[in-house]
């Protein structure tokens, strides 16, 4: 890969009981669906963080968000009363997060979802210290 190539990936790690999905570049719709599905495999964590600090929603459209919400709905009982925070410093990702907040309510998902501009705000809501260390 050349040094100027754009990487479009969703990196995943679980640390301290928190699943962190780091979005880099503009991953495809398929990559987002797979990343959501991964959350519910094995032992899903109650807390999930989607970090868009180095990425954007790229190709995702409103119908894609509805489809992803449907995936979450089918498995949400595994994370009942869970919390998902989205860190979205950019306007496009933040706007998508606001749409997801509304979809969560419309789909009546049994978990909380909030979008924040900074990791500090997300950490306060989740009740986690040192979120960026997670």
C-alpha atoms as a PDB file:
ATOM      1  CA  UNK A   1       0.000   0.000   0.000  1.00  0.00           C
ATOM      2  CA  UNK A   2       1.388   3.424  -0.854  1.00  0.00           C
ATOM      3  CA  UNK A   3       1.806   6.016   1.861  1.00  0.00           C
ATOM      4  CA  UNK A   4      -0.856   8.217   0.210  1.00  0.00           C
ATOM      5  CA  UNK A   5      -3.544   5.521   0.145  1.00  0.00           C
ATOM      6  CA  UNK A   6      -6.689   6.143   2.151  1.00  0.00           C
ATOM      7  CA  UNK A   7      -7.525   3.519   4.755  1.00  0.00           C
ATOM      8  CA  UNK A   8     -11.223   2.810   5.335  1.00  0.00           C
ATOM      9  CA  UNK A   9     -11.566   0.558   8.339  1.00  0.00           C
ATOM     10  CA  UNK A  10     -13.388   0.070  11.616  1.00  0.00           C
ATOM     11  CA  UNK A  11     -10.966  -1.077  14.302  1.00  0.00           C
ATOM     12  CA  UNK A  12     -12.387  -2.886  17.292  1.00  0.00           C
ATOM     13  CA  UNK A  13     -11.117  -3.565  20.787  1.00  0.00           C
ATOM     14  CA  UNK A  14     -12.592  -4.405  24.169  1.00  0.00           C
ATOM     15  CA  UNK A  15     -10.885  -2.929  27.203  1.00  0.00           C
ATOM     16  CA  UNK A  16     -12.206  -2.741  30.723  1.00  0.00           C
ATOM     17  CA  UNK A  17     -15.661  -3.946  29.709  1.00  0.00           C
ATOM     18  CA  UNK A  18     -16.056  -1.316  26.989  1.00  0.00           C
ATOM     19  CA  UNK A  19     -16.202  -2.123  23.274  1.00  0.00           C
ATOM     20  CA  UNK A  20     -14.524   0.629  21.253  1.00  0.00           C
ATOM     21  CA  UNK A  21     -15.162   0.895  17.506  1.00  0.00           C
ATOM     22  CA  UNK A  22     -12.693   3.310  15.938  1.00  0.00           C
ATOM     23  CA  UNK A  23     -13.789   4.493  12.494  1.00  0.00           C
ATOM     24  CA  UNK A  24     -10.926   5.472  10.181  1.00  0.00           C
ATOM     25  CA  UNK A  25     -11.604   7.008   6.775  1.00  0.00           C
ATOM     26  CA  UNK A  26     -15.008   6.294   5.213  1.00  0.00           C
ATOM     27  CA  UNK A  27     -15.828   2.589   5.598  1.00  0.00           C
ATOM     28  CA  UNK A  28     -18.478   0.960   3.415  1.00  0.00           C
ATOM     29  CA  UNK A  29     -22.028   0.201   4.497  1.00  0.00           C
ATOM     30  CA  UNK A  30     -21.056  -3.471   4.664  1.00  0.00           C
ATOM     31  CA  UNK A  31     -18.176  -2.673   7.035  1.00  0.00           C
ATOM     32  CA  UNK A  32     -20.550  -0.790   9.342  1.00  0.00           C
ATOM     33  CA  UNK A  33     -23.078  -3.652   9.365  1.00  0.00           C
ATOM     34  CA  UNK A  34     -20.301  -6.170  10.105  1.00  0.00           C
ATOM     35  CA  UNK A  35     -18.950  -3.956  12.909  1.00  0.00           C
ATOM     36  CA  UNK A  36     -22.406  -3.764  14.501  1.00  0.00           C
ATOM     37  CA  UNK A  37     -22.830  -7.533  14.210  1.00  0.00           C
ATOM     38  CA  UNK A  38     -19.427  -8.066  15.892  1.00  0.00           C
ATOM     39  CA  UNK A  39     -20.643  -6.210  18.975  1.00  0.00           C
ATOM     40  CA  UNK A  40     -23.238  -8.905  19.616  1.00  0.00           C
ATOM     41  CA  UNK A  41     -20.987 -11.920  19.086  1.00  0.00           C
ATOM     42  CA  UNK A  42     -19.676 -13.919  22.033  1.00  0.00           C
ATOM     43  CA  UNK A  43     -20.114 -11.769  25.141  1.00  0.00           C
ATOM     44  CA  UNK A  44     -21.319  -8.293  24.225  1.00  0.00           C
ATOM     45  CA  UNK A  45     -20.315  -5.470  26.544  1.00  0.00           C
ATOM     46  CA  UNK A  46     -22.901  -3.200  28.114  1.00  0.00           C
ATOM     47  CA  UNK A  47     -20.987  -0.087  27.032  1.00  0.00           C
ATOM     48  CA  UNK A  48     -19.953   0.648  23.448  1.00  0.00           C
ATOM     49  CA  UNK A  49     -18.109   3.657  22.042  1.00  0.00           C
ATOM     50  CA  UNK A  50     -18.083   4.555  18.341  1.00  0.00           C
ATOM     51  CA  UNK A  51     -15.165   6.925  17.746  1.00  0.00           C
ATOM     52  CA  UNK A  52     -15.426   8.982  14.541  1.00  0.00           C
ATOM     53  CA  UNK A  53     -12.481  11.241  15.436  1.00  0.00           C
ATOM     54  CA  UNK A  54     -10.522   9.978  12.393  1.00  0.00           C
ATOM     55  CA  UNK A  55     -13.433   8.886  10.219  1.00  0.00           C
ATOM     56  CA  UNK A  56     -16.764   9.733   8.697  1.00  0.00           C
ATOM     57  CA  UNK A  57     -20.006   7.935   7.902  1.00  0.00           C
ATOM     58  CA  UNK A  58     -19.036   8.109   4.236  1.00  0.00           C
ATOM     59  CA  UNK A  59     -21.618   6.279   2.112  1.00  0.00           C
ATOM     60  CA  UNK A  60     -24.203   5.725   4.856  1.00  0.00           C
ATOM     61  CA  UNK A  61     -27.673   6.987   3.932  1.00  0.00           C
ATOM     62  CA  UNK A  62     -30.830   7.144   6.036  1.00  0.00           C
ATOM     63  CA  UNK A  63     -32.065   3.775   4.728  1.00  0.00           C
ATOM     64  CA  UNK A  64     -28.711   2.241   5.744  1.00  0.00           C
ATOM     65  CA  UNK A  65     -29.125   3.642   9.246  1.00  0.00           C
ATOM     66  CA  UNK A  66     -32.594   2.085   9.445  1.00  0.00           C
ATOM     67  CA  UNK A  67     -31.150  -1.242   8.321  1.00  0.00           C
ATOM     68  CA  UNK A  68     -28.431  -1.039  10.973  1.00  0.00           C
ATOM     69  CA  UNK A  69     -31.052  -0.121  13.590  1.00  0.00           C
ATOM     70  CA  UNK A  70     -32.912  -3.292  12.560  1.00  0.00           C
ATOM     71  CA  UNK A  71     -29.760  -5.343  13.161  1.00  0.00           C
ATOM     72  CA  UNK A  72     -29.430  -3.781  16.593  1.00  0.00           C
ATOM     73  CA  UNK A  73     -33.103  -4.406  17.382  1.00  0.00           C
ATOM     74  CA  UNK A  74     -32.777  -8.142  16.726  1.00  0.00           C
ATOM     75  CA  UNK A  75     -29.889  -8.449  19.189  1.00  0.00           C
ATOM     76  CA  UNK A  76     -30.486  -5.557  21.589  1.00  0.00           C
ATOM     77  CA  UNK A  77     -31.749  -7.804  24.397  1.00  0.00           C
ATOM     78  CA  UNK A  78     -28.149  -9.037  24.742  1.00  0.00           C
ATOM     79  CA  UNK A  79     -27.220  -5.484  25.782  1.00  0.00           C
ATOM     80  CA  UNK A  80     -30.430  -4.512  27.570  1.00  0.00           C
ATOM     81  CA  UNK A  81     -29.940  -1.290  29.534  1.00  0.00           C
ATOM     82  CA  UNK A  82     -26.643  -0.789  27.734  1.00  0.00           C
ATOM     83  CA  UNK A  83     -25.204   2.537  26.678  1.00  0.00           C
ATOM     84  CA  UNK A  84     -23.657   3.454  23.356  1.00  0.00           C
ATOM     85  CA  UNK A  85     -21.763   6.717  22.963  1.00  0.00           C
ATOM     86  CA  UNK A  86     -20.673   8.151  19.638  1.00  0.00           C
ATOM     87  CA  UNK A  87     -17.753  10.585  19.505  1.00  0.00           C
ATOM     88  CA  UNK A  88     -18.270  12.775  16.457  1.00  0.00           C
ATOM     89  CA  UNK A  89     -16.226  15.964  16.267  1.00  0.00           C
ATOM     90  CA  UNK A  90     -17.102  16.486  12.573  1.00  0.00           C
ATOM     91  CA  UNK A  91     -20.444  17.873  11.452  1.00  0.00           C
ATOM     92  CA  UNK A  92     -21.343  14.983   9.104  1.00  0.00           C
ATOM     93  CA  UNK A  93     -20.756  12.284  11.727  1.00  0.00           C
ATOM     94  CA  UNK A  94     -22.458  14.379  14.409  1.00  0.00           C
ATOM     95  CA  UNK A  95     -25.524  14.827  12.196  1.00  0.00           C
ATOM     96  CA  UNK A  96     -25.650  11.070  11.583  1.00  0.00           C
ATOM     97  CA  UNK A  97     -25.445  10.523  15.333  1.00  0.00           C
ATOM     98  CA  UNK A  98     -28.427  12.805  15.892  1.00  0.00           C
ATOM     99  CA  UNK A  99     -30.400  10.793  13.315  1.00  0.00           C
ATOM    100  CA  UNK A 100     -29.419   7.601  15.172  1.00  0.00           C
ATOM    101  CA  UNK A 101     -30.652   9.100  18.446  1.00  0.00           C
ATOM    102  CA  UNK A 102     -34.079   9.605  16.864  1.00  0.00           C
ATOM    103  CA  UNK A 103     -34.061   6.140  15.255  1.00  0.00           C
ATOM    104  CA  UNK A 104     -33.254   4.556  18.611  1.00  0.00           C
ATOM    105  CA  UNK A 105     -36.384   6.160  20.044  1.00  0.00           C
ATOM    106  CA  UNK A 106     -38.561   5.230  17.043  1.00  0.00           C
ATOM    107  CA  UNK A 107     -37.315   1.625  17.094  1.00  0.00           C
ATOM    108  CA  UNK A 108     -37.807   1.552  20.891  1.00  0.00           C
ATOM    109  CA  UNK A 109     -34.429  -0.096  21.405  1.00  0.00           C
ATOM    110  CA  UNK A 110     -33.767  -1.164  25.015  1.00  0.00           C
ATOM    111  CA  UNK A 111     -30.460   0.687  25.205  1.00  0.00           C
ATOM    112  CA  UNK A 112     -29.355   4.281  25.379  1.00  0.00           C
ATOM    113  CA  UNK A 113     -27.529   6.087  22.569  1.00  0.00           C
ATOM    114  CA  UNK A 114     -26.012   9.568  22.634  1.00  0.00           C
ATOM    115  CA  UNK A 115     -23.722  11.475  20.322  1.00  0.00           C
ATOM    116  CA  UNK A 116     -21.021  13.812  21.633  1.00  0.00           C
ATOM    117  CA  UNK A 117     -18.470  16.139  20.088  1.00  0.00           C
ATOM    118  CA  UNK A 118     -15.668  15.081  22.464  1.00  0.00           C
ATOM    119  CA  UNK A 119     -14.408  11.969  24.239  1.00  0.00           C
ATOM    120  CA  UNK A 120     -14.565  13.865  27.528  1.00  0.00           C
ATOM    121  CA  UNK A 121     -18.333  14.405  27.173  1.00  0.00           C
ATOM    122  CA  UNK A 122     -18.851  10.764  26.197  1.00  0.00           C
ATOM    123  CA  UNK A 123     -16.769   9.558  29.161  1.00  0.00           C
ATOM    124  CA  UNK A 124     -18.797  11.672  31.591  1.00  0.00           C
ATOM    125  CA  UNK A 125     -22.080  10.242  30.269  1.00  0.00           C
ATOM    126  CA  UNK A 126     -20.764   6.670  30.384  1.00  0.00           C
ATOM    127  CA  UNK A 127     -19.206   7.187  33.814  1.00  0.00           C
ATOM    128  CA  UNK A 128     -15.760   6.120  32.606  1.00  0.00           C
ATOM    129  CA  UNK A 129     -12.503   7.833  33.449  1.00  0.00           C
ATOM    130  CA  UNK A 130      -9.790   7.976  30.811  1.00  0.00           C
ATOM    131  CA  UNK A 131     -12.015   7.030  27.874  1.00  0.00           C
ATOM    132  CA  UNK A 132      -9.244   7.659  25.357  1.00  0.00           C
ATOM    133  CA  UNK A 133      -7.072   5.164  27.274  1.00  0.00           C
ATOM    134  CA  UNK A 134      -9.734   2.475  26.767  1.00  0.00           C
END
